[in-house]
All heavy atoms as atom14 arrays in JSON, in Angstrom:
{
  "sequence": "FIIRRSIEREFKETIGDRIAAVAPVEYVYQELDDLPAPYSAPADRA",
  "atom14_mask": [
    [1, 1, 1, 1, 1, 1, 1, 1, 1, 1, 1, 0, 0, 0],
    [1, 1, 1, 1, 1, 1, 1, 1, 0, 0, 0, 0, 0, 0],
    [1, 1, 1, 1, 1, 1, 1, 1, 0, 0, 0, 0, 0, 0],
    [1, 1, 1, 1, 1, 1, 1, 1, 1, 1, 1, 0, 0, 0],
    [1, 1, 1, 1, 1, 1, 1, 1, 1, 1, 1, 0, 0, 0],
    [1, 1, 1, 1, 1, 1, 0, 0, 0, 0, 0, 0, 0, 0],
    [1, 1, 1, 1, 1, 1, 1, 1, 0, 0, 0, 0, 0, 0],
    [1, 1, 1, 1, 1, 1, 1, 1, 1, 0, 0, 0, 0, 0],
    [1, 1, 1, 1, 1, 1, 1, 1, 1, 1, 1, 0, 0, 0],
    [1, 1, 1, 1, 1, 1, 1, 1, 1, 0, 0, 0, 0, 0],
    [1, 1, 1, 1, 1, 1, 1, 1, 1, 1, 1, 0, 0, 0],
    [1, 1, 1, 1, 1, 1, 1, 1, 1, 0, 0, 0, 0, 0],
    [1, 1, 1, 1, 1, 1, 1, 1, 1, 0, 0, 0, 0, 0],
    [1, 1, 1, 1, 1, 1, 1, 0, 0, 0, 0, 0, 0, 0],
    [1, 1, 1, 1, 1, 1, 1, 1, 0, 0, 0, 0, 0, 0],
    [1, 1, 1, 1, 0, 0, 0, 0, 0, 0, 0, 0, 0, 0],
    [1, 1, 1, 1, 1, 1, 1, 1, 0, 0, 0, 0, 0, 0],
    [1, 1, 1, 1, 1, 1, 1, 1, 1, 1, 1, 0, 0, 0],
    [1, 1, 1, 1, 1, 1, 1, 1, 0, 0, 0, 0, 0, 0],
    [1, 1, 1, 1, 1, 0, 0, 0, 0, 0, 0, 0, 0, 0],
    [1, 1, 1, 1, 1, 0, 0, 0, 0, 0, 0, 0, 0, 0],
    [1, 1, 1, 1, 1, 1, 1, 0, 0, 0, 0, 0, 0, 0],
    [1, 1, 1, 1, 1, 0, 0, 0, 0, 0, 0, 0, 0, 0],
    [1, 1, 1, 1, 1, 1, 1, 0, 0, 0, 0, 0, 0, 0],
    [1, 1, 1, 1, 1, 1, 1, 0, 0, 0, 0, 0, 0, 0],
    [1, 1, 1, 1, 1, 1, 1, 1, 1, 0, 0, 0, 0, 0],
    [1, 1, 1, 1, 1, 1, 1, 1, 1, 1, 1, 1, 0, 0],
    [1, 1, 1, 1, 1, 1, 1, 0, 0, 0, 0, 0, 0, 0],
    [1, 1, 1, 1, 1, 1, 1, 1, 1, 1, 1, 1, 0, 0],
    [1, 1, 1, 1, 1, 1, 1, 1, 1, 0, 0, 0, 0, 0],
    [1, 1, 1, 1, 1, 1, 1, 1, 1, 0, 0, 0, 0, 0],
    [1, 1, 1, 1, 1, 1, 1, 1, 0, 0, 0, 0, 0, 0],
    [1, 1, 1, 1, 1, 1, 1, 1, 0, 0, 0, 0, 0, 0],
    [1, 1, 1, 1, 1, 1, 1, 1, 0, 0, 0, 0, 0, 0],
    [1, 1, 1, 1, 1, 1, 1, 1, 0, 0, 0, 0, 0, 0],
    [1, 1, 1, 1, 1, 1, 1, 0, 0, 0, 0, 0, 0, 0],
    [1, 1, 1, 1, 1, 0, 0, 0, 0, 0, 0, 0, 0, 0],
    [1, 1, 1, 1, 1, 1, 1, 0, 0, 0, 0, 0, 0, 0],
    [1, 1, 1, 1, 1, 1, 1, 1, 1, 1, 1, 1, 0, 0],
    [1, 1, 1, 1, 1, 1, 0, 0, 0, 0, 0, 0, 0, 0],
    [1, 1, 1, 1, 1, 0, 0, 0, 0, 0, 0, 0, 0, 0],
    [1, 1, 1, 1, 1, 1, 1, 0, 0, 0, 0, 0, 0, 0],
    [1, 1, 1, 1, 1, 0, 0, 0, 0, 0, 0, 0, 0, 0],
    [1, 1, 1, 1, 1, 1, 1, 1, 0, 0, 0, 0, 0, 0],
    [1, 1, 1, 1, 1, 1, 1, 1, 1, 1, 1, 0, 0, 0],
    [1, 1, 1, 1, 1, 0, 0, 0, 0, 0, 0, 0, 0, 0]
  ],
  "atom14_positions": [
    [[111.18, 165.45, 91.84], [111.94, 165.89, 90.61], [111.04, 166.59, 89.54], [110.0, 166.06, 89.26], [112.61, 164.59, 89.93], [113.57, 163.92, 90.74], [113.37, 162.6, 91.23], [114.9, 164.46, 91.03], [114.4, 161.95, 91.96], [115.81, 163.86, 91.73], [115.63, 162.59, 92.18], [0.0, 0.0, 0.0], [0.0, 0.0, 0.0], [0.0, 0.0, 0.0]],
    [[111.47, 167.72, 89.17], [110.88, 168.41, 88.03], [111.65, 168.05, 86.76], [112.83, 168.47, 86.67], [110.82, 170.02, 88.3], [110.14, 170.28, 89.52], [110.18, 170.58, 87.05], [110.25, 171.7, 89.98], [0.0, 0.0, 0.0], [0.0, 0.0, 0.0], [0.0, 0.0, 0.0], [0.0, 0.0, 0.0], [0.0, 0.0, 0.0], [0.0, 0.0, 0.0]],
    [[111.12, 167.38, 85.86], [111.88, 166.97, 84.67], [110.99, 167.18, 83.35], [109.86, 167.57, 83.45], [112.32, 165.46, 84.72], [111.0, 164.63, 84.77], [113.14, 165.24, 85.78], [111.35, 163.13, 84.62], [0.0, 0.0, 0.0], [0.0, 0.0, 0.0], [0.0, 0.0, 0.0], [0.0, 0.0, 0.0], [0.0, 0.0, 0.0], [0.0, 0.0, 0.0]],
    [[111.55, 166.91, 82.26], [110.79, 166.91, 81.02], [110.57, 165.43, 80.64], [111.3, 164.59, 80.92], [111.67, 167.6, 79.82], [112.07, 169.05, 80.2], [112.8, 169.61, 78.81], [113.79, 168.84, 78.18], [115.07, 168.91, 78.58], [115.39, 169.53, 79.59], [115.95, 168.13, 77.99], [0.0, 0.0, 0.0], [0.0, 0.0, 0.0], [0.0, 0.0, 0.0]],
    [[109.37, 165.25, 80.06], [109.02, 163.9, 79.74], [110.01, 163.27, 78.67], [110.28, 161.99, 78.74], [107.61, 163.76, 79.0], [106.51, 164.11, 80.09], [105.15, 163.81, 79.63], [104.16, 164.18, 80.52], [103.77, 163.52, 81.7], [104.37, 162.29, 81.85], [102.81, 163.82, 82.38], [0.0, 0.0, 0.0], [0.0, 0.0, 0.0], [0.0, 0.0, 0.0]],
    [[110.67, 164.09, 77.92], [111.67, 163.58, 76.85], [112.91, 163.05, 77.57], [113.55, 162.22, 76.91], [112.06, 164.7, 75.93], [112.7, 165.75, 76.69], [0.0, 0.0, 0.0], [0.0, 0.0, 0.0], [0.0, 0.0, 0.0], [0.0, 0.0, 0.0], [0.0, 0.0, 0.0], [0.0, 0.0, 0.0], [0.0, 0.0, 0.0], [0.0, 0.0, 0.0]],
    [[113.15, 163.29, 78.8], [114.4, 162.67, 79.48], [113.96, 161.78, 80.6], [114.8, 161.29, 81.28], [115.23, 163.82, 80.07], [114.7, 164.59, 81.21], [115.74, 164.81, 79.04], [115.56, 165.38, 81.92], [0.0, 0.0, 0.0], [0.0, 0.0, 0.0], [0.0, 0.0, 0.0], [0.0, 0.0, 0.0], [0.0, 0.0, 0.0], [0.0, 0.0, 0.0]],
    [[112.71, 161.45, 80.68], [112.13, 160.59, 81.87], [112.76, 159.33, 81.94], [113.32, 158.92, 83.03], [110.58, 160.53, 81.67], [110.0, 159.69, 82.81], [108.52, 159.61, 82.86], [107.89, 160.01, 81.76], [107.9, 159.27, 83.85], [0.0, 0.0, 0.0], [0.0, 0.0, 0.0], [0.0, 0.0, 0.0], [0.0, 0.0, 0.0], [0.0, 0.0, 0.0]],
    [[112.82, 158.55, 80.91], [113.43, 157.27, 81.06], [114.95, 157.25, 81.45], [115.32, 156.52, 82.29], [113.36, 156.57, 79.61], [113.82, 155.02, 79.64], [113.56, 154.37, 78.33], [114.27, 153.03, 78.34], [114.19, 152.23, 77.23], [113.58, 152.64, 76.13], [114.85, 151.07, 77.27], [0.0, 0.0, 0.0], [0.0, 0.0, 0.0], [0.0, 0.0, 0.0]],
    [[115.71, 158.1, 80.71], [117.13, 158.18, 81.04], [117.24, 158.69, 82.51], [118.16, 158.25, 83.19], [117.8, 159.04, 80.11], [119.32, 159.16, 80.35], [120.03, 160.0, 79.23], [119.26, 160.57, 78.43], [121.18, 160.13, 79.38], [0.0, 0.0, 0.0], [0.0, 0.0, 0.0], [0.0, 0.0, 0.0], [0.0, 0.0, 0.0], [0.0, 0.0, 0.0]],
    [[116.52, 159.68, 82.9], [116.56, 160.25, 84.18], [116.4, 159.19, 85.27], [117.01, 159.05, 86.25], [115.57, 161.43, 84.37], [115.85, 162.21, 85.7], [116.63, 163.33, 85.61], [115.31, 161.86, 86.89], [116.79, 164.15, 86.7], [115.51, 162.61, 87.94], [116.25, 163.7, 87.91], [0.0, 0.0, 0.0], [0.0, 0.0, 0.0], [0.0, 0.0, 0.0]],
    [[115.29, 158.34, 85.1], [114.94, 157.38, 86.1], [115.99, 156.35, 86.24], [116.31, 155.84, 87.28], [113.51, 156.75, 85.78], [112.39, 157.74, 86.1], [111.06, 157.08, 85.86], [109.95, 158.0, 86.28], [108.53, 157.36, 85.88], [0.0, 0.0, 0.0], [0.0, 0.0, 0.0], [0.0, 0.0, 0.0], [0.0, 0.0, 0.0], [0.0, 0.0, 0.0]],
    [[116.47, 155.98, 84.96], [117.58, 154.88, 85.02], [118.82, 155.37, 85.62], [119.5, 154.62, 86.28], [117.78, 154.5, 83.58], [116.63, 153.63, 82.98], [116.87, 153.34, 81.51], [117.99, 153.87, 80.91], [116.2, 152.61, 80.96], [0.0, 0.0, 0.0], [0.0, 0.0, 0.0], [0.0, 0.0, 0.0], [0.0, 0.0, 0.0], [0.0, 0.0, 0.0]],
    [[119.1, 156.7, 85.36], [120.43, 157.27, 85.93], [120.36, 157.63, 87.41], [121.4, 157.33, 87.99], [120.75, 158.41, 85.02], [120.73, 158.19, 83.66], [122.07, 159.09, 85.37], [0.0, 0.0, 0.0], [0.0, 0.0, 0.0], [0.0, 0.0, 0.0], [0.0, 0.0, 0.0], [0.0, 0.0, 0.0], [0.0, 0.0, 0.0], [0.0, 0.0, 0.0]],
    [[119.37, 158.08, 87.82], [119.21, 158.53, 89.26], [117.94, 158.28, 89.93], [117.87, 157.8, 91.11], [119.62, 159.98, 89.51], [119.56, 160.37, 90.89], [118.68, 160.94, 88.61], [120.14, 161.69, 91.22], [0.0, 0.0, 0.0], [0.0, 0.0, 0.0], [0.0, 0.0, 0.0], [0.0, 0.0, 0.0], [0.0, 0.0, 0.0], [0.0, 0.0, 0.0]],
    [[116.74, 158.5, 89.32], [115.58, 158.4, 90.02], [115.24, 157.09, 90.66], [114.73, 157.02, 91.89], [0.0, 0.0, 0.0], [0.0, 0.0, 0.0], [0.0, 0.0, 0.0], [0.0, 0.0, 0.0], [0.0, 0.0, 0.0], [0.0, 0.0, 0.0], [0.0, 0.0, 0.0], [0.0, 0.0, 0.0], [0.0, 0.0, 0.0], [0.0, 0.0, 0.0]],
    [[115.43, 155.99, 89.99], [115.15, 154.62, 90.62], [116.1, 154.33, 91.8], [115.64, 153.74, 92.74], [115.35, 153.54, 89.51], [114.28, 153.6, 88.57], [113.28, 154.33, 88.64], [114.46, 153.06, 87.38], [0.0, 0.0, 0.0], [0.0, 0.0, 0.0], [0.0, 0.0, 0.0], [0.0, 0.0, 0.0], [0.0, 0.0, 0.0], [0.0, 0.0, 0.0]],
    [[117.33, 154.9, 91.75], [118.35, 154.68, 92.9], [117.75, 155.47, 94.03], [117.81, 154.94, 95.12], [119.69, 155.19, 92.42], [120.64, 155.03, 93.51], [122.09, 155.35, 92.93], [122.41, 156.64, 92.68], [122.52, 157.08, 91.32], [122.35, 156.24, 90.39], [122.79, 158.31, 91.06], [0.0, 0.0, 0.0], [0.0, 0.0, 0.0], [0.0, 0.0, 0.0]],
    [[117.31, 156.71, 93.89], [116.95, 157.45, 95.06], [115.5, 156.89, 95.57], [115.31, 156.97, 96.73], [116.74, 158.96, 94.6], [117.94, 159.56, 93.99], [116.12, 159.78, 95.77], [119.16, 159.42, 95.01], [0.0, 0.0, 0.0], [0.0, 0.0, 0.0], [0.0, 0.0, 0.0], [0.0, 0.0, 0.0], [0.0, 0.0, 0.0], [0.0, 0.0, 0.0]],
    [[114.72, 156.37, 94.76], [113.48, 155.83, 95.16], [113.62, 154.68, 96.12], [112.78, 154.26, 96.91], [112.64, 155.3, 94.03], [0.0, 0.0, 0.0], [0.0, 0.0, 0.0], [0.0, 0.0, 0.0], [0.0, 0.0, 0.0], [0.0, 0.0, 0.0], [0.0, 0.0, 0.0], [0.0, 0.0, 0.0], [0.0, 0.0, 0.0], [0.0, 0.0, 0.0]],
    [[114.82, 154.07, 96.16], [115.19, 153.01, 97.01], [115.51, 153.48, 98.51], [115.52, 152.73, 99.49], [116.36, 152.18, 96.53], [0.0, 0.0, 0.0], [0.0, 0.0, 0.0], [0.0, 0.0, 0.0], [0.0, 0.0, 0.0], [0.0, 0.0, 0.0], [0.0, 0.0, 0.0], [0.0, 0.0, 0.0], [0.0, 0.0, 0.0], [0.0, 0.0, 0.0]],
    [[115.77, 154.8, 98.61], [116.08, 155.42, 99.96], [115.17, 156.42, 100.44], [115.21, 156.84, 101.69], [117.56, 155.93, 99.92], [118.59, 154.86, 99.57], [117.74, 157.06, 98.88], [0.0, 0.0, 0.0], [0.0, 0.0, 0.0], [0.0, 0.0, 0.0], [0.0, 0.0, 0.0], [0.0, 0.0, 0.0], [0.0, 0.0, 0.0], [0.0, 0.0, 0.0]],
    [[114.26, 156.99, 99.53], [113.3, 157.99, 99.95], [112.15, 157.99, 99.06], [112.29, 157.6, 97.96], [114.0, 159.36, 100.01], [0.0, 0.0, 0.0], [0.0, 0.0, 0.0], [0.0, 0.0, 0.0], [0.0, 0.0, 0.0], [0.0, 0.0, 0.0], [0.0, 0.0, 0.0], [0.0, 0.0, 0.0], [0.0, 0.0, 0.0], [0.0, 0.0, 0.0]],
    [[110.97, 158.44, 99.63], [109.83, 158.69, 98.7], [110.18, 159.62, 97.63], [110.63, 160.7, 97.91], [108.77, 159.17, 99.63], [109.1, 158.83, 100.99], [110.68, 158.84, 100.98], [0.0, 0.0, 0.0], [0.0, 0.0, 0.0], [0.0, 0.0, 0.0], [0.0, 0.0, 0.0], [0.0, 0.0, 0.0], [0.0, 0.0, 0.0], [0.0, 0.0, 0.0]],
    [[109.76, 159.23, 96.38], [110.09, 160.14, 95.17], [108.82, 160.38, 94.26], [107.98, 159.35, 94.19], [111.15, 159.5, 94.38], [111.32, 160.14, 93.0], [112.52, 159.44, 95.05], [0.0, 0.0, 0.0], [0.0, 0.0, 0.0], [0.0, 0.0, 0.0], [0.0, 0.0, 0.0], [0.0, 0.0, 0.0], [0.0, 0.0, 0.0], [0.0, 0.0, 0.0]],
    [[108.73, 161.62, 93.86], [107.59, 161.89, 92.93], [108.13, 162.65, 91.77], [109.11, 163.31, 91.93], [106.32, 162.57, 93.6], [105.71, 161.82, 94.71], [104.37, 162.37, 95.01], [103.5, 162.51, 94.04], [104.16, 162.64, 96.21], [0.0, 0.0, 0.0], [0.0, 0.0, 0.0], [0.0, 0.0, 0.0], [0.0, 0.0, 0.0], [0.0, 0.0, 0.0]],
    [[107.43, 162.62, 90.68], [107.85, 163.37, 89.5], [106.8, 164.28, 89.07], [105.52, 163.98, 89.03], [108.2, 162.34, 88.31], [109.33, 161.5, 88.5], [109.25, 160.31, 89.06], [110.61, 161.96, 88.08], [110.37, 159.42, 89.4], [111.68, 161.08, 88.19], [111.53, 159.84, 88.94], [112.64, 159.08, 89.18], [0.0, 0.0, 0.0], [0.0, 0.0, 0.0]],
    [[107.11, 165.46, 88.62], [106.23, 166.34, 87.96], [107.0, 166.8, 86.7], [108.23, 166.73, 86.56], [105.92, 167.54, 88.78], [105.16, 167.15, 89.98], [107.12, 168.44, 89.23], [0.0, 0.0, 0.0], [0.0, 0.0, 0.0], [0.0, 0.0, 0.0], [0.0, 0.0, 0.0], [0.0, 0.0, 0.0], [0.0, 0.0, 0.0], [0.0, 0.0, 0.0]],
    [[106.25, 167.29, 85.68], [106.77, 167.48, 84.38], [106.64, 168.91, 83.87], [105.42, 169.49, 83.96], [106.19, 166.62, 83.29], [106.3, 165.17, 83.87], [105.32, 164.53, 84.6], [107.46, 164.37, 83.45], [105.43, 163.23, 85.0], [107.56, 163.13, 83.96], [106.61, 162.53, 84.69], [106.85, 161.25, 85.18], [0.0, 0.0, 0.0], [0.0, 0.0, 0.0]],
    [[107.57, 169.57, 83.52], [107.68, 170.98, 83.11], [107.65, 170.98, 81.55], [108.75, 170.58, 80.94], [108.72, 171.85, 83.5], [108.7, 173.29, 83.16], [109.84, 174.2, 83.64], [110.94, 173.62, 84.04], [109.68, 175.42, 83.69], [0.0, 0.0, 0.0], [0.0, 0.0, 0.0], [0.0, 0.0, 0.0], [0.0, 0.0, 0.0], [0.0, 0.0, 0.0]],
    [[106.49, 171.34, 81.01], [106.4, 171.23, 79.43], [105.84, 172.59, 78.94], [105.27, 173.42, 79.64], [105.46, 170.11, 79.08], [105.75, 168.8, 79.49], [106.98, 168.23, 78.95], [107.44, 168.62, 77.84], [107.63, 167.12, 79.46], [0.0, 0.0, 0.0], [0.0, 0.0, 0.0], [0.0, 0.0, 0.0], [0.0, 0.0, 0.0], [0.0, 0.0, 0.0]],
    [[106.22, 172.84, 77.67], [105.94, 174.11, 77.03], [104.38, 174.3, 76.95], [103.81, 175.43, 76.96], [106.5, 174.21, 75.65], [108.05, 174.38, 75.59], [108.45, 174.39, 74.2], [108.49, 175.61, 76.3], [0.0, 0.0, 0.0], [0.0, 0.0, 0.0], [0.0, 0.0, 0.0], [0.0, 0.0, 0.0], [0.0, 0.0, 0.0], [0.0, 0.0, 0.0]],
    [[103.59, 173.18, 76.83], [102.22, 173.38, 76.56], [101.41, 173.26, 77.8], [100.17, 173.27, 77.79], [101.72, 172.16, 75.59], [102.05, 170.81, 76.12], [102.57, 170.69, 77.22], [101.65, 169.81, 75.4], [0.0, 0.0, 0.0], [0.0, 0.0, 0.0], [0.0, 0.0, 0.0], [0.0, 0.0, 0.0], [0.0, 0.0, 0.0], [0.0, 0.0, 0.0]],
    [[102.17, 173.22, 79.07], [101.5, 173.17, 80.39], [101.05, 174.67, 80.74], [101.81, 175.12, 81.65], [102.25, 172.41, 81.39], [101.54, 172.23, 82.64], [100.28, 172.54, 82.72], [102.21, 171.73, 83.71], [0.0, 0.0, 0.0], [0.0, 0.0, 0.0], [0.0, 0.0, 0.0], [0.0, 0.0, 0.0], [0.0, 0.0, 0.0], [0.0, 0.0, 0.0]],
    [[100.06, 175.24, 80.15], [99.66, 176.6, 80.39], [98.25, 176.65, 80.85], [97.38, 175.77, 80.37], [99.93, 177.45, 79.17], [101.37, 177.57, 78.66], [101.4, 178.39, 77.36], [102.32, 178.17, 79.77], [0.0, 0.0, 0.0], [0.0, 0.0, 0.0], [0.0, 0.0, 0.0], [0.0, 0.0, 0.0], [0.0, 0.0, 0.0], [0.0, 0.0, 0.0]],
    [[97.95, 177.56, 81.71], [96.49, 177.66, 82.06], [95.69, 178.3, 80.91], [96.22, 179.05, 79.99], [96.58, 178.79, 83.27], [97.78, 179.52, 83.03], [98.85, 178.57, 82.35], [0.0, 0.0, 0.0], [0.0, 0.0, 0.0], [0.0, 0.0, 0.0], [0.0, 0.0, 0.0], [0.0, 0.0, 0.0], [0.0, 0.0, 0.0], [0.0, 0.0, 0.0]],
    [[94.42, 177.95, 80.86], [93.53, 178.52, 79.87], [93.41, 180.02, 80.08], [93.37, 180.52, 81.29], [92.17, 177.84, 79.96], [0.0, 0.0, 0.0], [0.0, 0.0, 0.0], [0.0, 0.0, 0.0], [0.0, 0.0, 0.0], [0.0, 0.0, 0.0], [0.0, 0.0, 0.0], [0.0, 0.0, 0.0], [0.0, 0.0, 0.0], [0.0, 0.0, 0.0]],
    [[93.29, 180.77, 79.0], [93.16, 180.4, 77.62], [94.42, 180.38, 76.85], [94.44, 180.44, 75.54], [92.25, 181.49, 77.02], [92.71, 182.7, 77.89], [93.11, 182.24, 79.2], [0.0, 0.0, 0.0], [0.0, 0.0, 0.0], [0.0, 0.0, 0.0], [0.0, 0.0, 0.0], [0.0, 0.0, 0.0], [0.0, 0.0, 0.0], [0.0, 0.0, 0.0]],
    [[95.67, 180.38, 77.39], [96.9, 180.55, 76.83], [97.4, 179.3, 76.11], [97.15, 178.13, 76.56], [97.93, 181.07, 77.88], [97.54, 182.18, 78.73], [97.0, 182.12, 79.92], [97.61, 183.47, 78.1], [96.51, 183.22, 80.7], [97.15, 184.55, 78.76], [96.57, 184.51, 80.12], [96.31, 185.51, 80.94], [0.0, 0.0, 0.0], [0.0, 0.0, 0.0]],
    [[98.05, 179.45, 75.08], [98.76, 178.27, 74.35], [100.23, 178.78, 73.89], [100.32, 179.89, 73.63], [97.92, 177.82, 73.19], [97.81, 178.88, 72.28], [0.0, 0.0, 0.0], [0.0, 0.0, 0.0], [0.0, 0.0, 0.0], [0.0, 0.0, 0.0], [0.0, 0.0, 0.0], [0.0, 0.0, 0.0], [0.0, 0.0, 0.0], [0.0, 0.0, 0.0]],
    [[101.08, 177.83, 73.92], [102.45, 178.13, 73.59], [102.64, 178.5, 72.16], [102.13, 177.83, 71.32], [103.26, 176.95, 74.0], [0.0, 0.0, 0.0], [0.0, 0.0, 0.0], [0.0, 0.0, 0.0], [0.0, 0.0, 0.0], [0.0, 0.0, 0.0], [0.0, 0.0, 0.0], [0.0, 0.0, 0.0], [0.0, 0.0, 0.0], [0.0, 0.0, 0.0]],
    [[103.44, 179.46, 71.8], [103.78, 179.85, 70.47], [104.42, 178.7, 69.77], [105.25, 177.89, 70.44], [104.67, 181.01, 70.5], [104.4, 181.6, 71.99], [103.95, 180.49, 72.83], [0.0, 0.0, 0.0], [0.0, 0.0, 0.0], [0.0, 0.0, 0.0], [0.0, 0.0, 0.0], [0.0, 0.0, 0.0], [0.0, 0.0, 0.0], [0.0, 0.0, 0.0]],
    [[104.24, 178.44, 68.49], [104.77, 177.42, 67.8], [106.33, 177.34, 67.74], [106.93, 176.24, 67.68], [104.23, 177.29, 66.32], [0.0, 0.0, 0.0], [0.0, 0.0, 0.0], [0.0, 0.0, 0.0], [0.0, 0.0, 0.0], [0.0, 0.0, 0.0], [0.0, 0.0, 0.0], [0.0, 0.0, 0.0], [0.0, 0.0, 0.0], [0.0, 0.0, 0.0]],
    [[106.91, 178.54, 67.84], [108.33, 178.66, 67.81], [109.06, 178.7, 69.17], [110.33, 178.95, 69.22], [108.74, 179.88, 66.89], [108.25, 181.16, 67.48], [107.43, 181.1, 68.48], [108.7, 182.25, 67.07], [0.0, 0.0, 0.0], [0.0, 0.0, 0.0], [0.0, 0.0, 0.0], [0.0, 0.0, 0.0], [0.0, 0.0, 0.0], [0.0, 0.0, 0.0]],
    [[108.26, 178.48, 70.27], [108.86, 178.56, 71.5], [109.6, 177.25, 71.77], [109.24, 176.11, 71.59], [107.88, 178.6, 72.68], [108.32, 178.53, 74.1], [108.81, 179.93, 74.49], [109.39, 179.93, 75.78], [109.65, 180.94, 76.62], [109.33, 182.09, 76.22], [110.18, 180.83, 77.78], [0.0, 0.0, 0.0], [0.0, 0.0, 0.0], [0.0, 0.0, 0.0]],
    [[111.01, 177.34, 72.14], [111.81, 176.22, 72.45], [112.21, 176.06, 73.91], [112.21, 174.92, 74.43], [113.11, 176.42, 71.58], [0.0, 0.0, 0.0], [0.0, 0.0, 0.0], [0.0, 0.0, 0.0], [0.0, 0.0, 0.0], [0.0, 0.0, 0.0], [0.0, 0.0, 0.0], [0.0, 0.0, 0.0], [0.0, 0.0, 0.0], [0.0, 0.0, 0.0]]
  ]
}
């Protein structure tokens, strides 16, 4: 699952934990500040 950390708890409670009972599950997080060096996200990026 590719999710945002801001929805992690609700996502796991709503679906992730249920799927983990029937198949291997991993999470990765898509965030605005996850950029390779030397780049950084503009302050107004939403």
